[in-house]
Amino acid sequence: MLSRVKKTIDSILGRAVAVLMAFLVFDVVWQVFSRYVLQDPSSFTDELARFLLIWVALLGAAYVTGQRMHLAIDLLPAKVNAAWLERLIYSLVGLFALLALVIGGIRLVNITLTLNQSSSALQLPLGYVYLALPISGMLIFFYALVEMIQPKKHHN
């Protein structure tokens, strides 16, 4: 059951990151084209690229956490009980995701929406941009829980 839920989340998240990345590439190509070919730079593409990069980076970090493709230093697992160390690492990752990304992210979203902060070019409420924090945090927390419940061997 848990592995089926994880596979579904993996699929949706992988596609979402790919779509956001495609939009980011299109946005940057349009910016370059409008600036150098049309000699009339688009006014919103720089800001949109920044916001898309935030979402791609945070959701991408969640995705690679779920795929166990994240950066890791594997000096300690060779010296100590790897299963125990894996659970400890994922406990710390989950705790960080919960406290910093989910709770801190929700507070940031709430504050920016309450203060009606908007981006300058797109006039987009910044709370929507910052939603990437708690969403990615919940995904990383979920993946950390999965790894603590069903630890796997390292991919080499």
C-alpha atoms as a PDB file:
ATOM      1  CA  MET A   1       0.000   0.000   0.000  1.00  0.00           C
ATOM      2  CA  LEU A   2       2.682   2.498   1.037  1.00  0.00           C
ATOM      3  CA  SER A   3       4.850   1.648  -1.971  1.00  0.00           C
ATOM      4  CA  ARG A   4       1.867   2.194  -4.306  1.00  0.00           C
ATOM      5  CA  VAL A   5       1.221   5.629  -2.765  1.00  0.00           C
ATOM      6  CA  LYS A   6       4.921   6.442  -3.117  1.00  0.00           C
ATOM      7  CA  LYS A   7       4.946   5.374  -6.776  1.00  0.00           C
ATOM      8  CA  THR A   8       1.916   7.572  -7.480  1.00  0.00           C
ATOM      9  CA  ILE A   9       3.521  10.567  -5.773  1.00  0.00           C
ATOM     10  CA  ASP A  10       6.797   9.872  -7.605  1.00  0.00           C
ATOM     11  CA  SER A  11       5.002   9.860 -10.939  1.00  0.00           C
ATOM     12  CA  ILE A  12       3.003  13.030 -10.319  1.00  0.00           C
ATOM     13  CA  LEU A  13       5.987  14.867  -8.849  1.00  0.00           C
ATOM     14  CA  GLY A  14       8.332  13.791 -11.642  1.00  0.00           C
ATOM     15  CA  ARG A  15       5.897  15.018 -14.269  1.00  0.00           C
ATOM     16  CA  ALA A  16       5.272  18.277 -12.415  1.00  0.00           C
ATOM     17  CA  VAL A  17       8.999  19.024 -12.206  1.00  0.00           C
ATOM     18  CA  ALA A  18       9.428  18.206 -15.908  1.00  0.00           C
ATOM     19  CA  VAL A  19       6.543  20.517 -16.883  1.00  0.00           C
ATOM     20  CA  LEU A  20       7.844  23.347 -14.689  1.00  0.00           C
ATOM     21  CA  MET A  21      11.322  22.889 -16.146  1.00  0.00           C
ATOM     22  CA  ALA A  22       9.903  23.051 -19.684  1.00  0.00           C
ATOM     23  CA  PHE A  23       8.102  26.299 -18.807  1.00  0.00           C
ATOM     24  CA  LEU A  24      11.342  27.644 -17.318  1.00  0.00           C
ATOM     25  CA  VAL A  25      13.299  26.821 -20.479  1.00  0.00           C
ATOM     26  CA  PHE A  26      10.610  28.359 -22.690  1.00  0.00           C
ATOM     27  CA  ASP A  27      10.511  31.474 -20.493  1.00  0.00           C
ATOM     28  CA  VAL A  28      14.286  31.977 -20.653  1.00  0.00           C
ATOM     29  CA  VAL A  29      14.405  31.331 -24.416  1.00  0.00           C
ATOM     30  CA  TRP A  30      11.602  33.879 -24.910  1.00  0.00           C
ATOM     31  CA  GLN A  31      13.499  36.400 -22.766  1.00  0.00           C
ATOM     32  CA  VAL A  32      16.665  35.995 -24.841  1.00  0.00           C
ATOM     33  CA  PHE A  33      14.727  36.092 -28.116  1.00  0.00           C
ATOM     34  CA  SER A  34      12.732  39.194 -27.175  1.00  0.00           C
ATOM     35  CA  ARG A  35      15.814  40.986 -25.888  1.00  0.00           C
ATOM     36  CA  TYR A  36      18.284  40.268 -28.689  1.00  0.00           C
ATOM     37  CA  VAL A  37      16.144  39.536 -31.732  1.00  0.00           C
ATOM     38  CA  LEU A  38      13.091  41.735 -31.195  1.00  0.00           C
ATOM     39  CA  GLN A  39      15.103  44.403 -29.332  1.00  0.00           C
ATOM     40  CA  ASP A  40      12.121  44.694 -26.935  1.00  0.00           C
ATOM     41  CA  PRO A  41      12.757  42.681 -23.771  1.00  0.00           C
ATOM     42  CA  SER A  42       9.742  41.122 -22.140  1.00  0.00           C
ATOM     43  CA  SER A  43       8.954  42.744 -18.802  1.00  0.00           C
ATOM     44  CA  PHE A  44       7.849  39.671 -16.857  1.00  0.00           C
ATOM     45  CA  THR A  45      10.143  36.847 -17.965  1.00  0.00           C
ATOM     46  CA  ASP A  46      12.963  37.569 -15.505  1.00  0.00           C
ATOM     47  CA  GLU A  47      10.621  37.444 -12.532  1.00  0.00           C
ATOM     48  CA  LEU A  48       8.792  34.370 -13.861  1.00  0.00           C
ATOM     49  CA  ALA A  49      12.116  32.581 -14.340  1.00  0.00           C
ATOM     50  CA  ARG A  50      13.057  33.269 -10.712  1.00  0.00           C
ATOM     51  CA  PHE A  51       9.731  31.938  -9.443  1.00  0.00           C
ATOM     52  CA  LEU A  52       9.872  28.861 -11.666  1.00  0.00           C
ATOM     53  CA  LEU A  53      13.423  28.189 -10.515  1.00  0.00           C
ATOM     54  CA  ILE A  54      12.270  28.246  -6.888  1.00  0.00           C
ATOM     55  CA  TRP A  55       9.551  25.694  -7.630  1.00  0.00           C
ATOM     56  CA  VAL A  56      11.796  23.491  -9.793  1.00  0.00           C
ATOM     57  CA  ALA A  57      14.574  23.497  -7.183  1.00  0.00           C
ATOM     58  CA  LEU A  58      12.360  22.723  -4.190  1.00  0.00           C
ATOM     59  CA  LEU A  59      10.125  20.155  -5.886  1.00  0.00           C
ATOM     60  CA  GLY A  60      13.198  18.682  -7.571  1.00  0.00           C
ATOM     61  CA  ALA A  61      14.855  18.324  -4.167  1.00  0.00           C
ATOM     62  CA  ALA A  62      11.785  16.474  -2.916  1.00  0.00           C
ATOM     63  CA  TYR A  63      11.788  14.238  -5.985  1.00  0.00           C
ATOM     64  CA  VAL A  64      15.449  13.244  -5.693  1.00  0.00           C
ATOM     65  CA  THR A  65      14.949  12.583  -1.978  1.00  0.00           C
ATOM     66  CA  GLY A  66      12.222  10.114  -2.895  1.00  0.00           C
ATOM     67  CA  GLN A  67      14.434   8.520  -5.547  1.00  0.00           C
ATOM     68  CA  ARG A  68      17.411   8.297  -3.155  1.00  0.00           C
ATOM     69  CA  MET A  69      19.457  10.264  -5.678  1.00  0.00           C
ATOM     70  CA  HIS A  70      20.314  13.108  -3.327  1.00  0.00           C
ATOM     71  CA  LEU A  71      23.855  14.029  -2.450  1.00  0.00           C
ATOM     72  CA  ALA A  72      25.290  11.962   0.361  1.00  0.00           C
ATOM     73  CA  ILE A  73      28.641  11.400   1.955  1.00  0.00           C
ATOM     74  CA  ASP A  74      28.960   7.669   2.463  1.00  0.00           C
ATOM     75  CA  LEU A  75      32.071   7.671   4.630  1.00  0.00           C
ATOM     76  CA  LEU A  76      30.185   6.803   7.831  1.00  0.00           C
ATOM     77  CA  PRO A  77      28.050   3.885   6.534  1.00  0.00           C
ATOM     78  CA  ALA A  78      31.241   1.946   5.843  1.00  0.00           C
ATOM     79  CA  LYS A  79      32.314   2.375   9.475  1.00  0.00           C
ATOM     80  CA  VAL A  80      29.014   1.927  11.395  1.00  0.00           C
ATOM     81  CA  ASN A  81      25.736   0.040  11.188  1.00  0.00           C
ATOM     82  CA  ALA A  82      24.285   1.440   7.954  1.00  0.00           C
ATOM     83  CA  ALA A  83      20.618   0.599   8.747  1.00  0.00           C
ATOM     84  CA  TRP A  84      20.742   2.471  12.054  1.00  0.00           C
ATOM     85  CA  LEU A  85      22.561   5.390  10.445  1.00  0.00           C
ATOM     86  CA  GLU A  86      20.056   5.538   7.567  1.00  0.00           C
ATOM     87  CA  ARG A  87      17.159   5.783  10.021  1.00  0.00           C
ATOM     88  CA  LEU A  88      18.954   8.506  11.970  1.00  0.00           C
ATOM     89  CA  ILE A  89      19.705  10.493   8.815  1.00  0.00           C
ATOM     90  CA  TYR A  90      16.147  10.237   7.520  1.00  0.00           C
ATOM     91  CA  SER A  91      14.816  11.163  10.973  1.00  0.00           C
ATOM     92  CA  LEU A  92      16.895  14.335  10.869  1.00  0.00           C
ATOM     93  CA  VAL A  93      15.887  15.064   7.267  1.00  0.00           C
ATOM     94  CA  GLY A  94      12.218  14.558   8.186  1.00  0.00           C
ATOM     95  CA  LEU A  95      12.532  16.762  11.259  1.00  0.00           C
ATOM     96  CA  PHE A  96      14.177  19.531   9.242  1.00  0.00           C
ATOM     97  CA  ALA A  97      11.541  19.254   6.505  1.00  0.00           C
ATOM     98  CA  LEU A  98       8.749  19.430   9.062  1.00  0.00           C
ATOM     99  CA  LEU A  99      10.130  22.316  11.126  1.00  0.00           C
ATOM    100  CA  ALA A 100      11.856  24.498   8.552  1.00  0.00           C
ATOM    101  CA  LEU A 101      10.001  23.832   5.336  1.00  0.00           C
ATOM    102  CA  VAL A 102       6.478  22.911   6.422  1.00  0.00           C
ATOM    103  CA  ILE A 103       5.971  24.965   9.588  1.00  0.00           C
ATOM    104  CA  GLY A 104       8.291  27.806   8.587  1.00  0.00           C
ATOM    105  CA  GLY A 105       6.941  27.767   5.043  1.00  0.00           C
ATOM    106  CA  ILE A 106       3.321  27.919   6.200  1.00  0.00           C
ATOM    107  CA  ARG A 107       4.177  30.873   8.424  1.00  0.00           C
ATOM    108  CA  LEU A 108       5.908  32.650   5.527  1.00  0.00           C
ATOM    109  CA  VAL A 109       2.984  31.999   3.174  1.00  0.00           C
ATOM    110  CA  ASN A 110       0.521  33.217   5.809  1.00  0.00           C
ATOM    111  CA  ILE A 111       2.480  36.401   6.518  1.00  0.00           C
ATOM    112  CA  THR A 112       2.946  37.331   2.859  1.00  0.00           C
ATOM    113  CA  LEU A 113      -0.697  36.653   2.026  1.00  0.00           C
ATOM    114  CA  THR A 114      -1.880  38.606   5.089  1.00  0.00           C
ATOM    115  CA  LEU A 115       0.312  41.564   4.125  1.00  0.00           C
ATOM    116  CA  ASN A 116      -0.850  41.331   0.490  1.00  0.00           C
ATOM    117  CA  GLN A 117       2.713  41.262  -0.819  1.00  0.00           C
ATOM    118  CA  SER A 118       2.811  40.946  -4.601  1.00  0.00           C
ATOM    119  CA  SER A 119       5.581  40.596  -7.130  1.00  0.00           C
ATOM    120  CA  SER A 120       6.448  43.720  -9.069  1.00  0.00           C
ATOM    121  CA  ALA A 121       6.123  42.560 -12.678  1.00  0.00           C
ATOM    122  CA  LEU A 122       3.527  39.785 -12.504  1.00  0.00           C
ATOM    123  CA  GLN A 123       1.516  41.213  -9.597  1.00  0.00           C
ATOM    124  CA  LEU A 124       1.341  37.655  -8.272  1.00  0.00           C
ATOM    125  CA  PRO A 125       0.783  37.276  -4.515  1.00  0.00           C
ATOM    126  CA  LEU A 126       4.156  36.139  -3.154  1.00  0.00           C
ATOM    127  CA  GLY A 127       2.431  33.683  -0.841  1.00  0.00           C
ATOM    128  CA  TYR A 128       1.718  31.540  -3.912  1.00  0.00           C
ATOM    129  CA  VAL A 129       5.385  31.547  -4.832  1.00  0.00           C
ATOM    130  CA  TYR A 130       6.344  30.602  -1.280  1.00  0.00           C
ATOM    131  CA  LEU A 131       3.877  27.690  -1.264  1.00  0.00           C
ATOM    132  CA  ALA A 132       6.755  25.722  -2.772  1.00  0.00           C
ATOM    133  CA  LEU A 133       8.312  25.556   0.706  1.00  0.00           C
ATOM    134  CA  PRO A 134       5.566  23.749   2.640  1.00  0.00           C
ATOM    135  CA  ILE A 135       4.611  21.577  -0.350  1.00  0.00           C
ATOM    136  CA  SER A 136       8.177  20.371  -0.880  1.00  0.00           C
ATOM    137  CA  GLY A 137       8.605  20.028   2.880  1.00  0.00           C
ATOM    138  CA  MET A 138       5.568  17.752   3.125  1.00  0.00           C
ATOM    139  CA  LEU A 139       6.890  15.648   0.256  1.00  0.00           C
ATOM    140  CA  ILE A 140      10.376  15.379   1.783  1.00  0.00           C
ATOM    141  CA  PHE A 141       8.803  14.503   5.148  1.00  0.00           C
ATOM    142  CA  PHE A 142       6.703  11.798   3.459  1.00  0.00           C
ATOM    143  CA  TYR A 143       9.761  10.356   1.717  1.00  0.00           C
ATOM    144  CA  ALA A 144      11.738  10.415   4.981  1.00  0.00           C
ATOM    145  CA  LEU A 145       8.919   8.501   6.702  1.00  0.00           C
ATOM    146  CA  VAL A 146       8.881   5.940   3.899  1.00  0.00           C
ATOM    147  CA  GLU A 147      12.637   5.445   4.251  1.00  0.00           C
ATOM    148  CA  MET A 148      12.360   5.049   8.038  1.00  0.00           C
ATOM    149  CA  ILE A 149       9.552   2.497   7.677  1.00  0.00           C
ATOM    150  CA  GLN A 150      10.915   0.655   4.631  1.00  0.00           C
ATOM    151  CA  PRO A 151      14.655   1.307   4.393  1.00  0.00           C
ATOM    152  CA  LYS A 152      16.371   0.158   1.197  1.00  0.00           C
ATOM    153  CA  LYS A 153      19.930  -0.643   0.320  1.00  0.00           C
ATOM    154  CA  HIS A 154      22.076   2.038  -1.307  1.00  0.00           C
ATOM    155  CA  HIS A 155      21.918   2.440  -5.069  1.00  0.00           C
ATOM    156  CA  ASN A 156      25.388   2.170  -6.537  1.00  0.00           C
END
